[in-house]
């Protein structure tokens, strides 16, 4: 059974503020339903646009990491997202439970670009 690292955010993302305990339980269910070994979540620092813990756990090694939503990442800020992804191994898999997505760093960048492109056209997208 592969290990699934989990990552939680104690601050608002995409206008939602999901308590850590709920994020953790959801990720635990996700791990169980997808045959992963669950690990207790690494929780980020509360300060806006800081991803120190995420950078620490994704740095250069191949891992499976789960988050409640892709919007935990700075998908609305491509410069910050690109900076965050520079040291991530190309084979690392990011699991986003709510969106049912499993993406690599290059796929995340592409997804964010597409999201912003359509968000400009459709204001409520």
N, C-alpha and C. Protein backbone atom coordinates (compact mmCIF):
# COMPACT_ATOMS: atom_id res chain seq x y z
N UNK A 1 0.85 -1.18 0.00
CA UNK A 1 0.00 0.00 0.00
C UNK A 1 0.89 1.24 0.00
N UNK A 2 0.63 2.15 -0.93
CA UNK A 2 1.41 3.38 -1.02
C UNK A 2 0.98 4.36 0.06
N UNK A 3 1.95 5.13 0.51
CA UNK A 3 1.67 6.15 1.52
C UNK A 3 1.16 7.42 0.85
N UNK A 4 0.17 8.02 1.46
CA UNK A 4 -0.39 9.28 0.98
C UNK A 4 -0.11 10.36 2.02
N UNK A 5 0.75 11.30 1.67
CA UNK A 5 0.96 12.44 2.55
C UNK A 5 -0.24 13.37 2.39
N UNK A 6 -0.65 13.98 3.47
CA UNK A 6 -1.79 14.89 3.39
C UNK A 6 -1.37 16.28 3.87
N UNK A 7 -2.01 17.26 3.30
CA UNK A 7 -1.66 18.67 3.52
C UNK A 7 -2.93 19.46 3.75
N UNK A 8 -2.96 20.22 4.82
CA UNK A 8 -4.14 21.03 5.15
C UNK A 8 -3.76 22.50 5.28
N UNK A 9 -4.75 23.33 5.13
CA UNK A 9 -4.55 24.77 5.17
C UNK A 9 -5.50 25.39 6.20
N UNK A 10 -4.97 26.14 7.17
CA UNK A 10 -5.83 26.72 8.20
C UNK A 10 -6.43 28.07 7.83
N UNK A 11 -6.26 28.49 6.59
CA UNK A 11 -6.78 29.79 6.16
C UNK A 11 -7.80 29.62 5.05
N UNK A 12 -8.46 30.69 4.73
CA UNK A 12 -9.48 30.68 3.70
C UNK A 12 -8.86 30.41 2.33
N UNK A 13 -9.52 29.58 1.54
CA UNK A 13 -9.12 29.38 0.16
C UNK A 13 -10.39 29.34 -0.69
N UNK A 14 -10.37 30.08 -1.78
CA UNK A 14 -11.51 30.18 -2.70
C UNK A 14 -12.81 30.51 -1.96
N UNK A 15 -12.72 31.40 -1.01
CA UNK A 15 -13.84 31.90 -0.20
C UNK A 15 -14.40 30.86 0.78
N UNK A 16 -13.69 29.77 0.99
CA UNK A 16 -14.10 28.75 1.96
C UNK A 16 -13.07 28.67 3.08
N UNK A 17 -13.54 28.36 4.26
CA UNK A 17 -12.65 28.14 5.39
C UNK A 17 -13.06 26.83 6.05
N UNK A 18 -12.46 25.75 5.60
CA UNK A 18 -12.81 24.41 6.09
C UNK A 18 -11.92 24.09 7.28
N UNK A 19 -12.51 23.79 8.44
CA UNK A 19 -11.70 23.48 9.63
C UNK A 19 -10.74 22.31 9.37
N UNK A 20 -9.58 22.36 10.00
CA UNK A 20 -8.54 21.34 9.81
C UNK A 20 -9.08 19.95 10.10
N UNK A 21 -9.87 19.79 11.16
CA UNK A 21 -10.40 18.47 11.52
C UNK A 21 -11.26 17.90 10.40
N UNK A 22 -12.05 18.73 9.75
CA UNK A 22 -12.89 18.26 8.64
C UNK A 22 -12.03 17.92 7.43
N UNK A 23 -11.05 18.77 7.13
CA UNK A 23 -10.13 18.47 6.03
C UNK A 23 -9.43 17.13 6.27
N UNK A 24 -8.96 16.94 7.48
CA UNK A 24 -8.24 15.71 7.83
C UNK A 24 -9.13 14.47 7.69
N UNK A 25 -10.35 14.53 8.19
CA UNK A 25 -11.28 13.40 8.06
C UNK A 25 -11.60 13.11 6.60
N UNK A 26 -11.78 14.13 5.81
CA UNK A 26 -12.10 13.94 4.39
C UNK A 26 -10.92 13.27 3.68
N UNK A 27 -9.70 13.72 4.00
CA UNK A 27 -8.52 13.14 3.39
C UNK A 27 -8.28 11.71 3.86
N UNK A 28 -8.64 11.43 5.10
CA UNK A 28 -8.52 10.07 5.61
C UNK A 28 -9.46 9.14 4.85
N UNK A 29 -10.69 9.57 4.62
CA UNK A 29 -11.64 8.78 3.82
C UNK A 29 -11.15 8.62 2.39
N UNK A 30 -10.59 9.69 1.83
CA UNK A 30 -10.05 9.63 0.48
C UNK A 30 -8.96 8.57 0.39
N UNK A 31 -8.04 8.56 1.35
CA UNK A 31 -6.95 7.59 1.37
C UNK A 31 -7.51 6.17 1.45
N UNK A 32 -8.44 5.97 2.34
CA UNK A 32 -9.03 4.64 2.52
C UNK A 32 -9.73 4.17 1.24
N UNK A 33 -10.51 5.02 0.63
CA UNK A 33 -11.27 4.68 -0.57
C UNK A 33 -10.39 4.45 -1.79
N UNK A 34 -9.17 4.96 -1.75
CA UNK A 34 -8.25 4.83 -2.89
C UNK A 34 -7.05 3.95 -2.59
N UNK A 35 -7.17 3.15 -1.53
CA UNK A 35 -6.13 2.17 -1.15
C UNK A 35 -4.76 2.78 -0.89
N UNK A 36 -4.75 3.89 -0.17
CA UNK A 36 -3.51 4.51 0.27
C UNK A 36 -3.39 4.37 1.79
N UNK A 37 -2.16 4.40 2.24
CA UNK A 37 -1.90 4.45 3.68
C UNK A 37 -1.96 5.93 4.08
N UNK A 38 -2.85 6.26 4.98
CA UNK A 38 -3.07 7.65 5.41
C UNK A 38 -1.95 8.09 6.35
N UNK A 39 -1.51 9.32 6.21
CA UNK A 39 -0.58 9.92 7.18
C UNK A 39 -1.23 11.19 7.73
N UNK A 40 -0.97 11.48 8.96
CA UNK A 40 -1.53 12.70 9.55
C UNK A 40 -1.11 13.91 8.73
N UNK A 41 -1.99 14.90 8.61
CA UNK A 41 -1.69 16.03 7.73
C UNK A 41 -0.58 16.94 8.24
N UNK A 42 0.13 17.47 7.28
CA UNK A 42 1.06 18.57 7.53
C UNK A 42 0.22 19.82 7.36
N UNK A 43 0.23 20.68 8.35
CA UNK A 43 -0.60 21.89 8.30
C UNK A 43 0.29 23.10 8.04
N UNK A 44 -0.16 23.92 7.13
CA UNK A 44 0.59 25.09 6.72
C UNK A 44 0.50 26.21 7.75
N UNK A 45 1.41 27.14 7.64
CA UNK A 45 1.41 28.35 8.45
C UNK A 45 0.23 29.21 8.02
N UNK A 46 -0.36 29.94 8.93
CA UNK A 46 -1.59 30.69 8.67
C UNK A 46 -1.42 31.90 7.74
N UNK A 47 -0.22 32.43 7.63
CA UNK A 47 0.02 33.64 6.85
C UNK A 47 -0.32 33.45 5.37
N UNK A 48 -0.98 34.44 4.78
CA UNK A 48 -1.42 34.40 3.39
C UNK A 48 -0.22 34.24 2.44
N UNK A 49 -0.42 33.41 1.41
CA UNK A 49 0.56 33.17 0.35
C UNK A 49 1.90 32.60 0.85
N UNK A 50 1.87 31.91 1.96
CA UNK A 50 3.05 31.22 2.48
C UNK A 50 2.79 29.72 2.33
N UNK A 51 3.75 29.03 1.73
CA UNK A 51 3.62 27.58 1.50
C UNK A 51 4.91 26.87 1.92
N UNK A 52 5.48 27.26 3.04
CA UNK A 52 6.75 26.71 3.51
C UNK A 52 6.66 25.21 3.77
N UNK A 53 5.61 24.77 4.42
CA UNK A 53 5.47 23.34 4.74
C UNK A 53 5.27 22.52 3.47
N UNK A 54 4.51 23.03 2.54
CA UNK A 54 4.30 22.33 1.28
C UNK A 54 5.62 22.21 0.52
N UNK A 55 6.38 23.28 0.48
CA UNK A 55 7.69 23.24 -0.18
C UNK A 55 8.60 22.22 0.49
N UNK A 56 8.55 22.15 1.80
CA UNK A 56 9.41 21.23 2.55
C UNK A 56 9.09 19.77 2.22
N UNK A 57 7.82 19.42 2.17
CA UNK A 57 7.48 18.01 1.98
C UNK A 57 7.50 17.57 0.51
N UNK A 58 7.45 18.50 -0.43
CA UNK A 58 7.46 18.12 -1.85
C UNK A 58 8.82 18.27 -2.49
N UNK A 59 9.77 18.77 -1.77
CA UNK A 59 11.08 19.11 -2.33
C UNK A 59 11.80 17.89 -2.91
N UNK A 60 11.84 17.81 -4.22
CA UNK A 60 12.63 16.89 -5.02
C UNK A 60 12.30 15.41 -4.91
N UNK A 61 11.54 14.97 -3.93
CA UNK A 61 11.26 13.54 -3.82
C UNK A 61 9.91 13.21 -4.48
N UNK A 62 9.79 11.98 -4.93
CA UNK A 62 8.53 11.54 -5.56
C UNK A 62 7.59 11.10 -4.45
N UNK A 63 6.43 11.75 -4.38
CA UNK A 63 5.44 11.42 -3.35
C UNK A 63 4.04 11.48 -3.95
N UNK A 64 3.09 10.96 -3.19
CA UNK A 64 1.67 11.19 -3.43
C UNK A 64 1.21 12.10 -2.32
N UNK A 65 0.65 13.23 -2.68
CA UNK A 65 0.19 14.18 -1.67
C UNK A 65 -1.26 14.55 -1.95
N UNK A 66 -2.06 14.59 -0.90
CA UNK A 66 -3.48 14.90 -1.06
C UNK A 66 -3.84 16.19 -0.36
N UNK A 67 -4.73 16.93 -1.01
CA UNK A 67 -5.30 18.15 -0.46
C UNK A 67 -6.80 18.10 -0.68
N UNK A 68 -7.53 18.81 0.11
CA UNK A 68 -8.97 18.83 -0.04
C UNK A 68 -9.37 19.40 -1.40
N UNK A 69 -8.71 20.47 -1.83
CA UNK A 69 -9.09 21.14 -3.07
C UNK A 69 -7.87 21.68 -3.79
N UNK A 70 -7.96 21.77 -5.09
CA UNK A 70 -6.88 22.39 -5.87
C UNK A 70 -6.75 23.88 -5.53
N UNK A 71 -7.83 24.47 -5.01
CA UNK A 71 -7.79 25.89 -4.68
C UNK A 71 -6.98 26.20 -3.43
N UNK A 72 -6.48 25.17 -2.76
CA UNK A 72 -5.52 25.39 -1.68
C UNK A 72 -4.23 25.96 -2.27
N UNK A 73 -3.90 25.53 -3.48
CA UNK A 73 -2.73 26.07 -4.18
C UNK A 73 -3.05 27.45 -4.72
N UNK A 74 -2.03 28.27 -4.97
CA UNK A 74 -2.28 29.62 -5.50
C UNK A 74 -2.55 29.61 -7.00
N UNK A 75 -3.64 28.95 -7.41
CA UNK A 75 -3.94 28.81 -8.85
C UNK A 75 -4.34 30.13 -9.50
N UNK A 76 -4.67 31.12 -8.71
CA UNK A 76 -5.03 32.43 -9.27
C UNK A 76 -3.81 33.34 -9.41
N UNK A 77 -2.64 32.86 -8.98
CA UNK A 77 -1.40 33.63 -9.05
C UNK A 77 -0.35 32.73 -9.72
N UNK A 78 -0.26 32.80 -11.04
CA UNK A 78 0.62 31.89 -11.79
C UNK A 78 2.09 32.06 -11.42
N UNK A 79 2.49 33.26 -11.12
CA UNK A 79 3.89 33.48 -10.73
C UNK A 79 4.21 32.74 -9.44
N UNK A 80 3.35 32.87 -8.45
CA UNK A 80 3.56 32.17 -7.18
C UNK A 80 3.44 30.66 -7.36
N UNK A 81 2.49 30.22 -8.16
CA UNK A 81 2.32 28.79 -8.42
C UNK A 81 3.57 28.21 -9.09
N UNK A 82 4.08 28.89 -10.10
CA UNK A 82 5.30 28.42 -10.78
C UNK A 82 6.48 28.36 -9.83
N UNK A 83 6.61 29.36 -8.99
CA UNK A 83 7.68 29.38 -7.99
C UNK A 83 7.55 28.21 -7.02
N UNK A 84 6.34 27.94 -6.59
CA UNK A 84 6.07 26.86 -5.66
C UNK A 84 6.39 25.49 -6.28
N UNK A 85 6.16 25.35 -7.57
CA UNK A 85 6.34 24.07 -8.25
C UNK A 85 7.76 23.81 -8.75
N UNK A 86 8.65 24.79 -8.66
CA UNK A 86 9.98 24.62 -9.25
C UNK A 86 10.77 23.45 -8.66
N UNK A 87 10.69 23.22 -7.37
CA UNK A 87 11.48 22.16 -6.74
C UNK A 87 10.71 20.85 -6.57
N UNK A 88 9.49 20.79 -7.07
CA UNK A 88 8.68 19.58 -6.97
C UNK A 88 9.13 18.60 -8.05
N UNK A 89 9.29 17.34 -7.69
CA UNK A 89 9.66 16.30 -8.64
C UNK A 89 8.55 16.16 -9.69
N UNK A 90 8.95 15.97 -10.93
CA UNK A 90 7.99 15.88 -12.04
C UNK A 90 7.04 14.69 -11.89
N UNK A 91 7.43 13.67 -11.15
CA UNK A 91 6.60 12.48 -10.98
C UNK A 91 5.75 12.49 -9.71
N UNK A 92 5.82 13.54 -8.94
CA UNK A 92 4.97 13.66 -7.76
C UNK A 92 3.53 13.80 -8.21
N UNK A 93 2.65 13.10 -7.52
CA UNK A 93 1.21 13.15 -7.83
C UNK A 93 0.48 13.94 -6.75
N UNK A 94 -0.28 14.92 -7.18
CA UNK A 94 -1.11 15.73 -6.29
C UNK A 94 -2.55 15.23 -6.44
N UNK A 95 -3.15 14.87 -5.33
CA UNK A 95 -4.54 14.39 -5.31
C UNK A 95 -5.41 15.50 -4.72
N UNK A 96 -6.42 15.91 -5.45
CA UNK A 96 -7.36 16.93 -4.99
C UNK A 96 -8.72 16.26 -4.83
N UNK A 97 -9.08 16.00 -3.59
CA UNK A 97 -10.23 15.16 -3.28
C UNK A 97 -11.56 15.72 -3.78
N UNK A 98 -11.84 16.98 -3.53
CA UNK A 98 -13.14 17.54 -3.92
C UNK A 98 -13.34 17.56 -5.44
N UNK A 99 -12.29 17.85 -6.15
CA UNK A 99 -12.40 17.93 -7.61
C UNK A 99 -12.18 16.58 -8.29
N UNK A 100 -11.77 15.57 -7.51
CA UNK A 100 -11.47 14.23 -8.05
C UNK A 100 -10.40 14.32 -9.15
N UNK A 101 -9.34 15.05 -8.84
CA UNK A 101 -8.23 15.23 -9.77
C UNK A 101 -6.96 14.61 -9.19
N UNK A 102 -6.16 14.01 -10.05
CA UNK A 102 -4.81 13.58 -9.71
C UNK A 102 -3.91 14.14 -10.79
N UNK A 103 -3.04 15.08 -10.41
CA UNK A 103 -2.25 15.83 -11.38
C UNK A 103 -0.78 15.87 -11.00
N UNK A 104 0.07 16.00 -12.01
CA UNK A 104 1.49 16.28 -11.78
C UNK A 104 1.66 17.80 -11.77
N UNK A 105 2.87 18.25 -11.49
CA UNK A 105 3.07 19.71 -11.42
C UNK A 105 2.82 20.38 -12.77
N UNK A 106 3.20 19.76 -13.87
CA UNK A 106 2.96 20.38 -15.17
C UNK A 106 1.46 20.43 -15.48
N UNK A 107 0.73 19.41 -15.07
CA UNK A 107 -0.72 19.41 -15.28
C UNK A 107 -1.41 20.45 -14.40
N UNK A 108 -0.88 20.68 -13.21
CA UNK A 108 -1.43 21.71 -12.32
C UNK A 108 -1.26 23.08 -12.96
N UNK A 109 -0.08 23.34 -13.50
CA UNK A 109 0.18 24.63 -14.14
C UNK A 109 -0.76 24.84 -15.32
N UNK A 110 -0.94 23.79 -16.11
CA UNK A 110 -1.85 23.87 -17.26
C UNK A 110 -3.29 24.10 -16.79
N UNK A 111 -3.71 23.38 -15.75
CA UNK A 111 -5.05 23.53 -15.22
C UNK A 111 -5.27 24.96 -14.74
N UNK A 112 -4.30 25.52 -14.02
CA UNK A 112 -4.41 26.89 -13.50
C UNK A 112 -4.50 27.91 -14.64
N UNK A 113 -3.70 27.70 -15.67
CA UNK A 113 -3.73 28.60 -16.82
C UNK A 113 -5.11 28.58 -17.48
N UNK A 114 -5.64 27.38 -17.69
CA UNK A 114 -6.96 27.23 -18.30
C UNK A 114 -8.05 27.84 -17.41
N UNK A 115 -7.94 27.60 -16.11
CA UNK A 115 -8.92 28.16 -15.17
C UNK A 115 -8.94 29.68 -15.26
N UNK A 116 -7.77 30.32 -15.26
CA UNK A 116 -7.72 31.78 -15.33
C UNK A 116 -8.21 32.29 -16.68
N UNK A 117 -7.90 31.57 -17.73
CA UNK A 117 -8.36 31.97 -19.06
C UNK A 117 -9.89 32.01 -19.11
N UNK A 118 -10.53 30.96 -18.60
CA UNK A 118 -11.99 30.91 -18.63
C UNK A 118 -12.62 31.82 -17.58
N UNK A 119 -11.94 32.01 -16.49
CA UNK A 119 -12.46 32.88 -15.43
C UNK A 119 -12.56 34.33 -15.94
N UNK A 120 -11.64 34.73 -16.78
CA UNK A 120 -11.68 36.10 -17.35
C UNK A 120 -12.89 36.26 -18.27
N UNK A 121 -13.24 35.21 -18.99
CA UNK A 121 -14.34 35.26 -19.94
C UNK A 121 -15.67 35.13 -19.21
N UNK A 122 -15.73 34.17 -18.30
CA UNK A 122 -16.96 33.91 -17.55
C UNK A 122 -16.70 34.33 -16.11
N UNK A 123 -17.18 35.46 -15.73
CA UNK A 123 -16.87 36.04 -14.43
C UNK A 123 -17.21 35.13 -13.26
N UNK A 124 -18.21 34.31 -13.39
CA UNK A 124 -18.63 33.45 -12.28
C UNK A 124 -18.14 32.02 -12.42
N UNK A 125 -17.17 31.75 -13.28
CA UNK A 125 -16.66 30.41 -13.49
C UNK A 125 -15.88 29.94 -12.29
